[in-house]
C-alpha atoms as a PDB file:
ATOM      1  CA  MET A   1      -3.192 -20.955 -16.614  1.00  0.00           C
ATOM      2  CA  LYS A   2      -0.001 -23.440 -16.289  1.00  0.00           C
ATOM      3  CA  THR A   3      -1.524 -25.522 -13.594  1.00  0.00           C
ATOM      4  CA  ASP A   4      -3.919 -28.521 -13.027  1.00  0.00           C
ATOM      5  CA  LYS A   5      -4.715 -27.158  -9.713  1.00  0.00           C
ATOM      6  CA  THR A   6      -7.476 -25.300  -9.396  1.00  0.00           C
ATOM      7  CA  THR A   7      -8.417 -24.539  -6.083  1.00  0.00           C
ATOM      8  CA  ALA A   8      -5.690 -23.796  -3.158  1.00  0.00           C
ATOM      9  CA  ARG A   9      -5.802 -22.311   0.235  1.00  0.00           C
ATOM     10  CA  LEU A  10      -3.995 -19.354   0.873  1.00  0.00           C
ATOM     11  CA  ALA A  11      -2.381 -17.896   3.917  1.00  0.00           C
ATOM     12  CA  ALA A  12      -1.468 -14.551   5.081  1.00  0.00           C
ATOM     13  CA  VAL A  13       0.607 -13.735   8.108  1.00  0.00           C
ATOM     14  CA  GLN A  14       0.598 -11.024   9.794  1.00  0.00           C
ATOM     15  CA  ALA A  15       3.283 -11.174  12.934  1.00  0.00           C
ATOM     16  CA  ALA A  16       6.352  -8.686  14.299  1.00  0.00           C
ATOM     17  CA  PRO A  17      10.147 -10.029  13.811  1.00  0.00           C
ATOM     18  CA  GLU A  18      12.069 -10.914  16.881  1.00  0.00           C
ATOM     19  CA  TRP A  19      13.990  -7.685  16.187  1.00  0.00           C
ATOM     20  CA  LEU A  20      17.084  -7.442  14.328  1.00  0.00           C
ATOM     21  CA  ASP A  21      17.884 -11.254  15.499  1.00  0.00           C
ATOM     22  CA  ARG A  22      18.070 -13.374  12.490  1.00  0.00           C
ATOM     23  CA  LYS A  23      18.120 -16.638  14.368  1.00  0.00           C
ATOM     24  CA  ALA A  24      15.161 -16.000  16.934  1.00  0.00           C
ATOM     25  CA  SER A  25      13.414 -14.317  13.157  1.00  0.00           C
ATOM     26  CA  VAL A  26      13.922 -17.492  11.399  1.00  0.00           C
ATOM     27  CA  GLU A  27      13.192 -19.754  14.348  1.00  0.00           C
ATOM     28  CA  LYS A  28       9.410 -17.876  14.635  1.00  0.00           C
ATOM     29  CA  ALA A  29       9.419 -17.730  10.420  1.00  0.00           C
ATOM     30  CA  CYS A  30       9.355 -21.292  10.683  1.00  0.00           C
ATOM     31  CA  ALA A  31       7.203 -21.976  13.537  1.00  0.00           C
ATOM     32  CA  LEU A  32       4.606 -19.837  10.945  1.00  0.00           C
ATOM     33  CA  ILE A  33       5.328 -21.508   8.094  1.00  0.00           C
ATOM     34  CA  THR A  34       4.385 -25.050   9.950  1.00  0.00           C
ATOM     35  CA  GLU A  35       1.541 -23.291  11.377  1.00  0.00           C
ATOM     36  CA  ALA A  36       0.224 -22.656   8.153  1.00  0.00           C
ATOM     37  CA  GLY A  37       0.563 -25.684   6.755  1.00  0.00           C
ATOM     38  CA  ALA A  38      -0.995 -27.954   9.278  1.00  0.00           C
ATOM     39  CA  ASN A  39      -4.087 -25.432   8.606  1.00  0.00           C
ATOM     40  CA  GLY A  40      -3.712 -26.552   5.307  1.00  0.00           C
ATOM     41  CA  ALA A  41      -2.312 -23.736   3.614  1.00  0.00           C
ATOM     42  CA  ASN A  42      -1.168 -24.218   0.346  1.00  0.00           C
ATOM     43  CA  ILE A  43       0.705 -20.424  -0.281  1.00  0.00           C
ATOM     44  CA  VAL A  44       2.063 -18.062   2.392  1.00  0.00           C
ATOM     45  CA  GLY A  45       3.174 -14.593   2.613  1.00  0.00           C
ATOM     46  CA  PHE A  46       4.713 -13.260   4.926  1.00  0.00           C
ATOM     47  CA  PRO A  47       5.817  -9.097   5.574  1.00  0.00           C
ATOM     48  CA  GLU A  48       8.096  -7.204   3.698  1.00  0.00           C
ATOM     49  CA  ASN A  49      12.127  -7.938   5.732  1.00  0.00           C
ATOM     50  CA  PHE A  50      10.238 -10.543   8.388  1.00  0.00           C
ATOM     51  CA  ILE A  51      13.742 -11.638   8.957  1.00  0.00           C
ATOM     52  CA  PRO A  52      15.090  -9.560  10.694  1.00  0.00           C
ATOM     53  CA  GLY A  53      13.243  -6.686  10.668  1.00  0.00           C
ATOM     54  CA  HIS A  54      12.599  -3.261   8.507  1.00  0.00           C
ATOM     55  CA  PRO A  55      14.803   0.020   8.482  1.00  0.00           C
ATOM     56  CA  VAL A  56      11.869   2.227  10.380  1.00  0.00           C
ATOM     57  CA  TRP A  57      14.457   3.880  12.803  1.00  0.00           C
ATOM     58  CA  TYR A  58      15.371   6.339  10.074  1.00  0.00           C
ATOM     59  CA  TYR A  59      11.525   7.792  10.986  1.00  0.00           C
ATOM     60  CA  PHE A  60      12.683   8.364  14.347  1.00  0.00           C
ATOM     61  CA  TYR A  61      15.983   9.354  14.361  1.00  0.00           C
ATOM     62  CA  PRO A  62      18.669  11.055  12.308  1.00  0.00           C
ATOM     63  CA  ALA A  63      20.255   9.296   9.155  1.00  0.00           C
ATOM     64  CA  THR A  64      23.846  10.214  10.481  1.00  0.00           C
ATOM     65  CA  SER A  65      23.196   9.481  14.183  1.00  0.00           C
ATOM     66  CA  VAL A  66      24.950   6.992  16.165  1.00  0.00           C
ATOM     67  CA  LYS A  67      21.701   4.851  17.252  1.00  0.00           C
ATOM     68  CA  SER A  68      20.974   4.910  13.252  1.00  0.00           C
ATOM     69  CA  THR A  69      24.073   3.773  12.857  1.00  0.00           C
ATOM     70  CA  ASP A  70      24.062   1.403  15.608  1.00  0.00           C
ATOM     71  CA  PHE A  71      20.632   0.347  14.314  1.00  0.00           C
ATOM     72  CA  ALA A  72      22.271  -0.488  10.552  1.00  0.00           C
ATOM     73  CA  THR A  73      24.802  -2.142  11.704  1.00  0.00           C
ATOM     74  CA  ARG A  74      22.808  -4.687  13.634  1.00  0.00           C
ATOM     75  CA  LEU A  75      20.768  -4.942  10.543  1.00  0.00           C
ATOM     76  CA  PHE A  76      23.966  -6.201   8.383  1.00  0.00           C
ATOM     77  CA  GLN A  77      24.924  -8.505  10.776  1.00  0.00           C
ATOM     78  CA  ASN A  78      21.755  -9.887  11.354  1.00  0.00           C
ATOM     79  CA  SER A  79      20.999  -9.968   7.218  1.00  0.00           C
ATOM     80  CA  VAL A  80      20.806 -13.284   5.553  1.00  0.00           C
ATOM     81  CA  GLU A  81      23.366 -15.150   3.609  1.00  0.00           C
ATOM     82  CA  LEU A  82      21.456 -16.753   0.108  1.00  0.00           C
ATOM     83  CA  PRO A  83      22.452 -19.647   0.414  1.00  0.00           C
ATOM     84  CA  GLY A  84      23.134 -20.432   3.851  1.00  0.00           C
ATOM     85  CA  GLU A  85      21.951 -21.959   7.134  1.00  0.00           C
ATOM     86  CA  ASP A  86      19.090 -19.480   7.486  1.00  0.00           C
ATOM     87  CA  SER A  87      17.755 -20.336   3.985  1.00  0.00           C
ATOM     88  CA  GLU A  88      18.318 -24.076   4.470  1.00  0.00           C
ATOM     89  CA  ALA A  89      15.954 -23.928   7.776  1.00  0.00           C
ATOM     90  CA  LEU A  90      12.867 -22.076   5.946  1.00  0.00           C
ATOM     91  CA  CYS A  91      13.211 -24.594   3.218  1.00  0.00           C
ATOM     92  CA  VAL A  92      13.034 -27.740   5.952  1.00  0.00           C
ATOM     93  CA  ALA A  93       9.748 -26.118   6.932  1.00  0.00           C
ATOM     94  CA  ALA A  94       8.251 -25.351   4.152  1.00  0.00           C
ATOM     95  CA  ALA A  95       9.092 -28.909   2.993  1.00  0.00           C
ATOM     96  CA  ARG A  96       7.961 -30.134   5.982  1.00  0.00           C
ATOM     97  CA  ALA A  97       4.325 -28.595   5.458  1.00  0.00           C
ATOM     98  CA  GLY A  98       4.411 -29.039   2.425  1.00  0.00           C
ATOM     99  CA  ILE A  99       4.042 -25.396   1.218  1.00  0.00           C
ATOM    100  CA  ASN A 100       5.144 -22.697  -0.769  1.00  0.00           C
ATOM    101  CA  VAL A 101       6.324 -19.684   0.955  1.00  0.00           C
ATOM    102  CA  VAL A 102       7.289 -16.101  -0.127  1.00  0.00           C
ATOM    103  CA  MET A 103       9.443 -14.498   2.502  1.00  0.00           C
ATOM    104  CA  GLY A 104      10.316 -11.217   3.075  1.00  0.00           C
ATOM    105  CA  LEU A 105      14.359 -10.934   4.171  1.00  0.00           C
ATOM    106  CA  THR A 106      16.972  -8.560   4.062  1.00  0.00           C
ATOM    107  CA  GLU A 107      19.899 -10.056   2.053  1.00  0.00           C
ATOM    108  CA  ARG A 108      23.576  -9.892   2.070  1.00  0.00           C
ATOM    109  CA  VAL A 109      26.123 -10.397  -0.425  1.00  0.00           C
ATOM    110  CA  PRO A 110      27.894 -13.309   1.073  1.00  0.00           C
ATOM    111  CA  ASP A 111      31.234 -12.907   2.022  1.00  0.00           C
ATOM    112  CA  THR A 112      31.644  -8.648   2.229  1.00  0.00           C
ATOM    113  CA  THR A 113      30.757  -6.427   4.613  1.00  0.00           C
ATOM    114  CA  GLY A 114      28.521  -4.362   2.421  1.00  0.00           C
ATOM    115  CA  THR A 115      25.503  -4.314   0.190  1.00  0.00           C
ATOM    116  CA  LEU A 116      22.187  -5.177   1.231  1.00  0.00           C
ATOM    117  CA  TYR A 117      18.720  -5.735  -0.339  1.00  0.00           C
ATOM    118  CA  ASN A 118      15.167  -5.836   0.270  1.00  0.00           C
ATOM    119  CA  THR A 119      14.288  -9.746  -0.893  1.00  0.00           C
ATOM    120  CA  GLN A 120      11.504 -11.801  -1.139  1.00  0.00           C
ATOM    121  CA  LEU A 121      12.413 -15.175  -1.478  1.00  0.00           C
ATOM    122  CA  PHE A 122      10.517 -18.066  -2.788  1.00  0.00           C
ATOM    123  CA  ILE A 123      10.702 -21.526  -1.323  1.00  0.00           C
ATOM    124  CA  ASP A 124       8.814 -24.478  -3.769  1.00  0.00           C
ATOM    125  CA  SER A 125       6.325 -26.974  -1.473  1.00  0.00           C
ATOM    126  CA  THR A 126       9.220 -29.598  -1.745  1.00  0.00           C
ATOM    127  CA  GLY A 127      11.581 -26.841   0.158  1.00  0.00           C
ATOM    128  CA  HIS A 128      13.840 -25.766  -3.139  1.00  0.00           C
ATOM    129  CA  ILE A 129      14.348 -22.456  -3.780  1.00  0.00           C
ATOM    130  CA  SER A 130      13.002 -21.109  -7.154  1.00  0.00           C
ATOM    131  CA  GLY A 131      14.395 -17.948  -6.737  1.00  0.00           C
ATOM    132  CA  LYS A 132      14.080 -14.651  -5.419  1.00  0.00           C
ATOM    133  CA  HIS A 133      12.650 -10.738  -5.831  1.00  0.00           C
ATOM    134  CA  GLN A 134      14.875  -8.128  -4.634  1.00  0.00           C
ATOM    135  CA  LYS A 135      12.879  -4.668  -4.255  1.00  0.00           C
ATOM    136  CA  LEU A 136      13.945  -2.168  -7.812  1.00  0.00           C
ATOM    137  CA  VAL A 137      13.837   0.861  -5.960  1.00  0.00           C
ATOM    138  CA  PRO A 138      14.283   1.028  -2.278  1.00  0.00           C
ATOM    139  CA  THR A 139      11.836   3.620  -0.672  1.00  0.00           C
ATOM    140  CA  ILE A 140      12.874   6.814   1.127  1.00  0.00           C
ATOM    141  CA  GLY A 141      15.201   5.736   4.286  1.00  0.00           C
ATOM    142  CA  GLU A 142      15.300   2.299   2.869  1.00  0.00           C
ATOM    143  CA  ARG A 143      17.735   3.986   0.220  1.00  0.00           C
ATOM    144  CA  LEU A 144      20.466   4.247   3.334  1.00  0.00           C
ATOM    145  CA  VAL A 145      20.736   0.547   3.955  1.00  0.00           C
ATOM    146  CA  HIS A 146      19.366  -1.090   0.730  1.00  0.00           C
ATOM    147  CA  ALA A 147      20.969  -1.629  -2.762  1.00  0.00           C
ATOM    148  CA  GLY A 148      18.590  -1.046  -6.074  1.00  0.00           C
ATOM    149  CA  GLY A 149      17.410  -5.130  -7.192  1.00  0.00           C
ATOM    150  CA  ARG A 150      18.999  -6.718  -9.591  1.00  0.00           C
ATOM    151  CA  PRO A 151      17.775  -7.377 -13.067  1.00  0.00           C
ATOM    152  CA  GLU A 152      17.661 -11.186 -13.026  1.00  0.00           C
ATOM    153  CA  THR A 153      15.087 -11.390 -10.047  1.00  0.00           C
ATOM    154  CA  GLN A 154      12.365  -8.959 -11.800  1.00  0.00           C
ATOM    155  CA  ILE A 155      10.602 -11.912 -12.622  1.00  0.00           C
ATOM    156  CA  THR A 156       7.930 -14.069 -11.179  1.00  0.00           C
ATOM    157  CA  PHE A 157       8.198 -17.977 -10.412  1.00  0.00           C
ATOM    158  CA  THR A 158       5.920 -21.051 -11.029  1.00  0.00           C
ATOM    159  CA  SER A 159       4.131 -23.531  -8.853  1.00  0.00           C
ATOM    160  CA  GLU A 160       1.758 -26.495  -9.017  1.00  0.00           C
ATOM    161  CA  PHE A 161      -0.401 -23.514  -8.523  1.00  0.00           C
ATOM    162  CA  GLY A 162       0.191 -21.514 -11.591  1.00  0.00           C
ATOM    163  CA  ASN A 163       2.651 -18.386 -11.591  1.00  0.00           C
ATOM    164  CA  ILE A 164       2.890 -16.566  -8.039  1.00  0.00           C
ATOM    165  CA  GLY A 165       4.442 -13.262  -8.228  1.00  0.00           C
ATOM    166  CA  ALA A 166       5.363 -10.625  -5.277  1.00  0.00           C
ATOM    167  CA  LEU A 167       6.082  -7.176  -4.959  1.00  0.00           C
ATOM    168  CA  ALA A 168       7.807  -5.098  -1.732  1.00  0.00           C
ATOM    169  CA  CYS A 169       5.504  -2.497  -0.456  1.00  0.00           C
ATOM    170  CA  GLY A 170       5.698   0.970  -2.347  1.00  0.00           C
ATOM    171  CA  GLU A 171       6.302  -1.379  -5.482  1.00  0.00           C
ATOM    172  CA  ASN A 172       2.747  -2.321  -5.694  1.00  0.00           C
ATOM    173  CA  SER A 173       1.999   1.091  -6.794  1.00  0.00           C
ATOM    174  CA  ASN A 174       4.430   1.308  -9.474  1.00  0.00           C
ATOM    175  CA  PRO A 175       2.340   0.279 -12.435  1.00  0.00           C
ATOM    176  CA  LEU A 176       5.472  -0.759 -14.774  1.00  0.00           C
ATOM    177  CA  ALA A 177       6.286  -3.591 -11.856  1.00  0.00           C
ATOM    178  CA  VAL A 178       2.691  -4.315 -11.762  1.00  0.00           C
ATOM    179  CA  ALA A 179       2.592  -4.590 -15.782  1.00  0.00           C
ATOM    180  CA  MET A 180       5.852  -6.863 -15.195  1.00  0.00           C
ATOM    181  CA  VAL A 181       3.738  -9.285 -12.866  1.00  0.00           C
ATOM    182  CA  ALA A 182       0.777  -9.293 -14.918  1.00  0.00           C
ATOM    183  CA  GLY A 183       2.404 -10.506 -18.096  1.00  0.00           C
ATOM    184  CA  ALA A 184       3.002 -12.945 -16.103  1.00  0.00           C
ATOM    185  CA  TYR A 185      -0.585 -14.308 -15.437  1.00  0.00           C
ATOM    186  CA  PRO A 186      -0.253 -14.799 -11.803  1.00  0.00           C
ATOM    187  CA  THR A 187      -3.037 -17.031 -10.400  1.00  0.00           C
ATOM    188  CA  VAL A 188      -1.184 -15.473  -6.816  1.00  0.00           C
ATOM    189  CA  HIS A 189       0.613 -12.123  -6.049  1.00  0.00           C
ATOM    190  CA  VAL A 190       2.121 -11.790  -2.684  1.00  0.00           C
ATOM    191  CA  ALA A 191       2.195  -7.964  -1.549  1.00  0.00           C
ATOM    192  CA  SER A 192       4.267  -7.260   1.178  1.00  0.00           C
ATOM    193  CA  TRP A 193       4.549  -4.452   3.718  1.00  0.00           C
ATOM    194  CA  PRO A 194       6.691  -3.509   6.990  1.00  0.00           C
ATOM    195  CA  ASN A 195       5.576  -3.140  10.418  1.00  0.00           C
ATOM    196  CA  HIS A 196       4.331   1.387   9.408  1.00  0.00           C
ATOM    197  CA  PHE A 197       4.911   3.367   7.077  1.00  0.00           C
ATOM    198  CA  ILE A 198       6.115   7.032   8.244  1.00  0.00           C
ATOM    199  CA  PRO A 199       4.262   8.767  11.193  1.00  0.00           C
ATOM    200  CA  GLU A 200       1.537  11.570  10.338  1.00  0.00           C
ATOM    201  CA  TYR A 201       1.790  10.837   6.467  1.00  0.00           C
ATOM    202  CA  CYS A 202      -0.599   8.022   6.225  1.00  0.00           C
ATOM    203  CA  GLY A 203      -2.024   4.467   7.497  1.00  0.00           C
ATOM    204  CA  MET A 204      -0.536   1.501   5.957  1.00  0.00           C
ATOM    205  CA  ARG A 205      -3.315  -0.145   7.046  1.00  0.00           C
ATOM    206  CA  GLU A 206      -5.772   1.854   4.966  1.00  0.00           C
ATOM    207  CA  SER A 207      -2.437   2.302   2.180  1.00  0.00           C
ATOM    208  CA  SER A 208      -2.021  -0.980   2.165  1.00  0.00           C
ATOM    209  CA  LEU A 209      -5.521  -1.951   1.221  1.00  0.00           C
ATOM    210  CA  LEU A 210      -6.066   0.368  -1.376  1.00  0.00           C
ATOM    211  CA  VAL A 211      -3.193  -1.193  -3.381  1.00  0.00           C
ATOM    212  CA  SER A 212      -4.133  -4.815  -2.372  1.00  0.00           C
ATOM    213  CA  ARG A 213      -7.184  -4.468  -3.753  1.00  0.00           C
ATOM    214  CA  ASN A 214      -6.383  -2.728  -6.923  1.00  0.00           C
ATOM    215  CA  ILE A 215      -3.538  -4.984  -8.148  1.00  0.00           C
ATOM    216  CA  ALA A 216      -5.848  -7.920  -7.387  1.00  0.00           C
ATOM    217  CA  TYR A 217      -7.993  -5.979  -9.744  1.00  0.00           C
ATOM    218  CA  THR A 218      -5.599  -5.419 -12.451  1.00  0.00           C
ATOM    219  CA  CYS A 219      -3.894  -8.487 -12.523  1.00  0.00           C
ATOM    220  CA  LYS A 220      -6.977 -10.659 -12.000  1.00  0.00           C
ATOM    221  CA  SER A 221      -5.230 -12.680  -9.542  1.00  0.00           C
ATOM    222  CA  PHE A 222      -5.789 -13.167  -5.748  1.00  0.00           C
ATOM    223  CA  VAL A 223      -3.760 -11.167  -4.115  1.00  0.00           C
ATOM    224  CA  ILE A 224      -1.960 -12.241  -0.388  1.00  0.00           C
ATOM    225  CA  SER A 225      -1.455  -8.879   1.573  1.00  0.00           C
ATOM    226  CA  SER A 226       0.952  -9.075   4.745  1.00  0.00           C
ATOM    227  CA  CYS A 227       1.361  -6.473   6.834  1.00  0.00           C
ATOM    228  CA  GLY A 228       4.139  -6.470  10.207  1.00  0.00           C
ATOM    229  CA  VAL A 229       3.457  -5.163  13.515  1.00  0.00           C
ATOM    230  CA  ASN A 230       5.339  -3.782  16.208  1.00  0.00           C
ATOM    231  CA  SER A 231       6.489  -5.849  18.732  1.00  0.00           C
ATOM    232  CA  GLU A 232       7.109  -4.184  22.571  1.00  0.00           C
ATOM    233  CA  THR A 233      10.715  -4.775  21.821  1.00  0.00           C
ATOM    234  CA  MET A 234      10.720  -2.557  18.440  1.00  0.00           C
ATOM    235  CA  ILE A 235       8.616   0.120  20.918  1.00  0.00           C
ATOM    236  CA  ARG A 236      11.202   0.590  23.152  1.00  0.00           C
ATOM    237  CA  GLU A 237      13.718   1.009  21.261  1.00  0.00           C
ATOM    238  CA  LEU A 238      12.353   3.187  18.668  1.00  0.00           C
ATOM    239  CA  ALA A 239      10.379   5.220  20.172  1.00  0.00           C
ATOM    240  CA  SER A 240      12.005   8.495  21.123  1.00  0.00           C
ATOM    241  CA  THR A 241       9.355  10.521  22.292  1.00  0.00           C
ATOM    242  CA  PRO A 242       6.207  10.099  23.776  1.00  0.00           C
ATOM    243  CA  GLU A 243       4.262  10.863  20.462  1.00  0.00           C
ATOM    244  CA  HIS A 244       6.372   7.970  19.152  1.00  0.00           C
ATOM    245  CA  GLU A 245       5.063   5.809  20.994  1.00  0.00           C
ATOM    246  CA  THR A 246       1.184   6.434  20.518  1.00  0.00           C
ATOM    247  CA  PHE A 247       2.191   6.283  17.084  1.00  0.00           C
ATOM    248  CA  LEU A 248       3.519   2.776  17.486  1.00  0.00           C
ATOM    249  CA  ARG A 249       0.980   2.166  18.920  1.00  0.00           C
ATOM    250  CA  ASP A 250      -1.917   2.950  17.573  1.00  0.00           C
ATOM    251  CA  PRO A 251      -3.707  -0.337  15.653  1.00  0.00           C
ATOM    252  CA  ASP A 252      -4.446   1.951  12.548  1.00  0.00           C
ATOM    253  CA  LYS A 253      -1.404   2.504  11.647  1.00  0.00           C
ATOM    254  CA  SER A 254       0.097  -0.599  11.154  1.00  0.00           C
ATOM    255  CA  GLY A 255      -1.491  -4.364  10.354  1.00  0.00           C
ATOM    256  CA  GLY A 256      -4.357  -4.475   7.758  1.00  0.00           C
ATOM    257  CA  THR A 257      -3.383  -8.024   6.698  1.00  0.00           C
ATOM    258  CA  CYS A 258      -6.021  -9.432   4.256  1.00  0.00           C
ATOM    259  CA  ILE A 259      -6.525 -11.704   1.110  1.00  0.00           C
ATOM    260  CA  VAL A 260      -7.940 -10.119  -1.991  1.00  0.00           C
ATOM    261  CA  ALA A 261      -9.662 -11.537  -4.378  1.00  0.00           C
ATOM    262  CA  PRO A 262      -9.793 -11.134  -8.725  1.00  0.00           C
ATOM    263  CA  SER A 263     -12.590  -8.712  -8.307  1.00  0.00           C
ATOM    264  CA  GLY A 264     -11.061  -6.736  -5.778  1.00  0.00           C
ATOM    265  CA  ASP A 265     -13.115  -7.912  -2.892  1.00  0.00           C
ATOM    266  CA  ILE A 266     -11.617  -8.763   0.285  1.00  0.00           C
ATOM    267  CA  ILE A 267     -11.855 -12.797   1.270  1.00  0.00           C
ATOM    268  CA  ALA A 268     -10.207 -12.099   4.647  1.00  0.00           C
ATOM    269  CA  GLY A 269      -9.244  -9.339   7.088  1.00  0.00           C
ATOM    270  CA  PRO A 270      -8.268  -7.115   7.599  1.00  0.00           C
ATOM    271  CA  MET A 271      -6.725  -7.025  10.969  1.00  0.00           C
ATOM    272  CA  ASP A 272      -5.955  -4.426  13.261  1.00  0.00           C
ATOM    273  CA  GLY A 273      -2.658  -3.668  14.017  1.00  0.00           C
ATOM    274  CA  ASP A 274      -2.431  -4.673  17.596  1.00  0.00           C
ATOM    275  CA  GLN A 275      -2.921  -8.162  16.148  1.00  0.00           C
ATOM    276  CA  GLU A 276      -0.593 -11.029  15.285  1.00  0.00           C
ATOM    277  CA  GLY A 277      -1.814 -14.647  13.043  1.00  0.00           C
ATOM    278  CA  ILE A 278      -2.838 -16.300  10.128  1.00  0.00           C
ATOM    279  CA  LEU A 279      -5.316 -15.435   7.739  1.00  0.00           C
ATOM    280  CA  TYR A 280      -6.841 -18.066   5.697  1.00  0.00           C
ATOM    281  CA  ALA A 281      -8.827 -18.308   2.534  1.00  0.00           C
ATOM    282  CA  ASP A 282      -9.827 -20.621   0.291  1.00  0.00           C
ATOM    283  CA  VAL A 283      -9.958 -19.913  -3.274  1.00  0.00           C
ATOM    284  CA  ASP A 284     -10.835 -20.956  -6.980  1.00  0.00           C
ATOM    285  CA  PHE A 285      -8.321 -19.881  -9.614  1.00  0.00           C
ATOM    286  CA  VAL A 286     -11.740 -20.425 -12.094  1.00  0.00           C
ATOM    287  CA  GLU A 287     -12.092 -16.564 -10.725  1.00  0.00           C
ATOM    288  CA  CYS A 288      -9.145 -15.566 -12.561  1.00  0.00           C
ATOM    289  CA  ILE A 289     -10.061 -16.538 -16.272  1.00  0.00           C
ATOM    290  CA  ARG A 290     -13.777 -14.673 -15.467  1.00  0.00           C
ATOM    291  CA  GLY A 291     -12.006 -11.538 -14.641  1.00  0.00           C
ATOM    292  CA  ARG A 292      -9.492 -11.588 -17.419  1.00  0.00           C
ATOM    293  CA  TYR A 293     -12.824 -12.231 -19.529  1.00  0.00           C
ATOM    294  CA  VAL A 294     -13.455  -8.503 -18.749  1.00  0.00           C
ATOM    295  CA  HIS A 295      -9.759  -6.953 -18.358  1.00  0.00           C
ATOM    296  CA  ASP A 296      -7.017  -8.780 -19.688  1.00  0.00           C
ATOM    297  CA  VAL A 297      -4.218  -5.791 -19.852  1.00  0.00           C
ATOM    298  CA  SER A 298      -1.181  -8.528 -21.051  1.00  0.00           C
ATOM    299  CA  GLY A 299      -3.841  -9.559 -23.870  1.00  0.00           C
ATOM    300  CA  HIS A 300      -6.830  -8.503 -25.161  1.00  0.00           C
ATOM    301  CA  TYR A 301      -7.584  -5.072 -23.236  1.00  0.00           C
ATOM    302  CA  ASN A 302      -4.315  -3.503 -24.664  1.00  0.00           C
ATOM    303  CA  ARG A 303      -2.702  -2.785 -27.705  1.00  0.00           C
ATOM    304  CA  THR A 304       0.900  -3.492 -28.843  1.00  0.00           C
ATOM    305  CA  ASP A 305       0.880  -1.139 -31.775  1.00  0.00           C
ATOM    306  CA  VAL A 306       0.435   1.670 -28.898  1.00  0.00           C
ATOM    307  CA  TYR A 307       1.607   0.294 -25.063  1.00  0.00           C
ATOM    308  CA  GLN A 308       5.226  -1.728 -24.800  1.00  0.00           C
ATOM    309  CA  LEU A 309       6.802  -2.412 -22.091  1.00  0.00           C
ATOM    310  CA  ARG A 310      10.721  -3.748 -22.206  1.00  0.00           C
ATOM    311  CA  ILE A 311      12.042  -5.809 -19.202  1.00  0.00           C
ATOM    312  CA  ASN A 312      15.863  -6.294 -18.512  1.00  0.00           C
ATOM    313  CA  ASN A 313      16.652  -9.076 -16.688  1.00  0.00           C
ATOM    314  CA  GLU A 314      20.220  -9.563 -17.767  1.00  0.00           C
ATOM    315  CA  SER A 315      22.844  -9.494 -14.945  1.00  0.00           C
ATOM    316  CA  SER A 316      25.669  -7.334 -14.814  1.00  0.00           C
ATOM    317  CA  GLU A 317      28.843  -6.831 -12.590  1.00  0.00           C
ATOM    318  CA  LEU A 318      30.604  -3.809 -11.181  1.00  0.00           C
ATOM    319  CA  ILE A 319      33.685  -5.471 -11.887  1.00  0.00           C
ATOM    320  CA  GLN A 320      34.436  -7.555 -14.838  1.00  0.00           C
ATOM    321  CA  SER A 321      37.206  -9.760 -13.767  1.00  0.00           C
ATOM    322  CA  ARG A 322      40.430 -10.502 -16.241  1.00  0.00           C
ATOM    323  CA  PRO A 323      41.827 -14.404 -15.664  1.00  0.00           C
ATOM    324  CA  GLY A 324      44.029 -15.056 -12.869  1.00  0.00           C
ATOM    325  CA  ARG A 325      41.721 -12.113 -10.919  1.00  0.00           C
ATOM    326  CA  THR A 326      38.915 -12.648  -8.807  1.00  0.00           C
ATOM    327  CA  ALA A 327      35.641 -10.548  -7.949  1.00  0.00           C
ATOM    328  CA  PRO A 328      34.042 -10.743  -4.896  1.00  0.00           C
ATOM    329  CA  GLY A 329      32.464 -14.245  -3.684  1.00  0.00           C
ATOM    330  CA  GLY A 330      34.648 -15.869  -6.814  1.00  0.00           C
ATOM    331  CA  ASN A 331      37.281 -18.761  -5.498  1.00  0.00           C
ATOM    332  CA  GLY A 332      40.283 -16.886  -6.005  1.00  0.00           C
ATOM    333  CA  LEU A 333      41.699 -19.375  -8.987  1.00  0.00           C
ATOM    334  CA  ASN A 334      42.135 -18.439 -12.516  1.00  0.00           C
ATOM    335  CA  GLU A 335      40.771 -19.900 -15.352  1.00  0.00           C
ATOM    336  CA  GLU A 336      43.440 -22.133 -16.409  1.00  0.00           C
ATOM    337  CA  VAL A 337      43.637 -23.529 -12.860  1.00  0.00           C
ATOM    338  CA  ALA A 338      40.275 -23.961 -11.996  1.00  0.00           C
ATOM    339  CA  GLU A 339      39.572 -25.547 -15.790  1.00  0.00           C
ATOM    340  CA  GLN A 340      42.132 -28.307 -14.518  1.00  0.00           C
ATOM    341  CA  LEU A 341      40.493 -28.369 -10.913  1.00  0.00           C
ATOM    342  CA  GLY A 342      37.379 -28.694 -12.349  1.00  0.00           C
ATOM    343  CA  SER A 343      35.748 -25.954 -10.446  1.00  0.00           C
ATOM    344  CA  ASP A 344      34.083 -22.683 -11.637  1.00  0.00           C
ATOM    345  CA  SER A 345      36.199 -19.490 -10.905  1.00  0.00           C
ATOM    346  CA  HIS A 346      33.441 -17.041 -11.923  1.00  0.00           C
ATOM    347  CA  SER A 347      30.840 -15.743  -9.188  1.00  0.00           C
ATOM    348  CA  SER A 348      27.477 -16.049 -10.442  1.00  0.00           C
ATOM    349  CA  ALA A 349      24.116 -14.676  -9.048  1.00  0.00           C
ATOM    350  CA  TYR A 350      21.895 -16.295  -7.052  1.00  0.00           C
END
């Protein structure tokens, strides 16, 4: 266990975004970070795409409709560039609160008018960005607005409380993604979820509980399972029929935020879908060690001569620029001029 700290207070946020409003959602996120820190939390997890909201409109409107296109345009306009003033505000809040943050957001590539990622941003307790995880494969309607995550973001992150893993929604059910997380021996894993699933398919509350308990038991880690909920603004804009409004108001179809122990036992929550707030749990990481005596799926409870997982974390670029040309995000200088000016002519992954 890569930490001298054996205990921590975990926090799980359940809240609705300020719908497709980046600035207001960042302000709400900062207030929740401040609240969690004031209550003594060391690590806090947020829902999927909390800033500025999840693309759930595809459950209610045709993908090519004017309504869906308008929502998608607003999503892009209110998504987050990394780094930028929005991430800086989150970093300042984390530093002041002295808390590690895993923030769900929609990320856009700087200086472009296309390509979004479903991202979990890691900010450490000193207010520095440790990195990010991008959802590897978008789910259902997400595929219309989110690109698949880049290889270099399929990693976990270190903290003073040990390694922290994070996966978004359906990734927590992907055995290979879970194996990647388990291989880092995380003390804490953040499972981020949207505000609801598909109408008439399954309730997010029960499904997220099932999956979060499973990943806690498999990885022998504490899991912060953070779920979104629907605001009145979202219900008003999303519901196209009375049946849809009934679904969006059903507390069993959203929410379910909880904190799970390595044994699979729920130690805080779950919260109903008509609630906003923060759950807390004081944990002892010795429970991770005890659990791995039984099942260490990255060690003694596996056979490397039979099962192996390859993970490619090498970045790749669509456009390989020749000297004198610049890919998106570059500085427009050829290599010789850039060297003379002491600047970098190559764009790099953040």
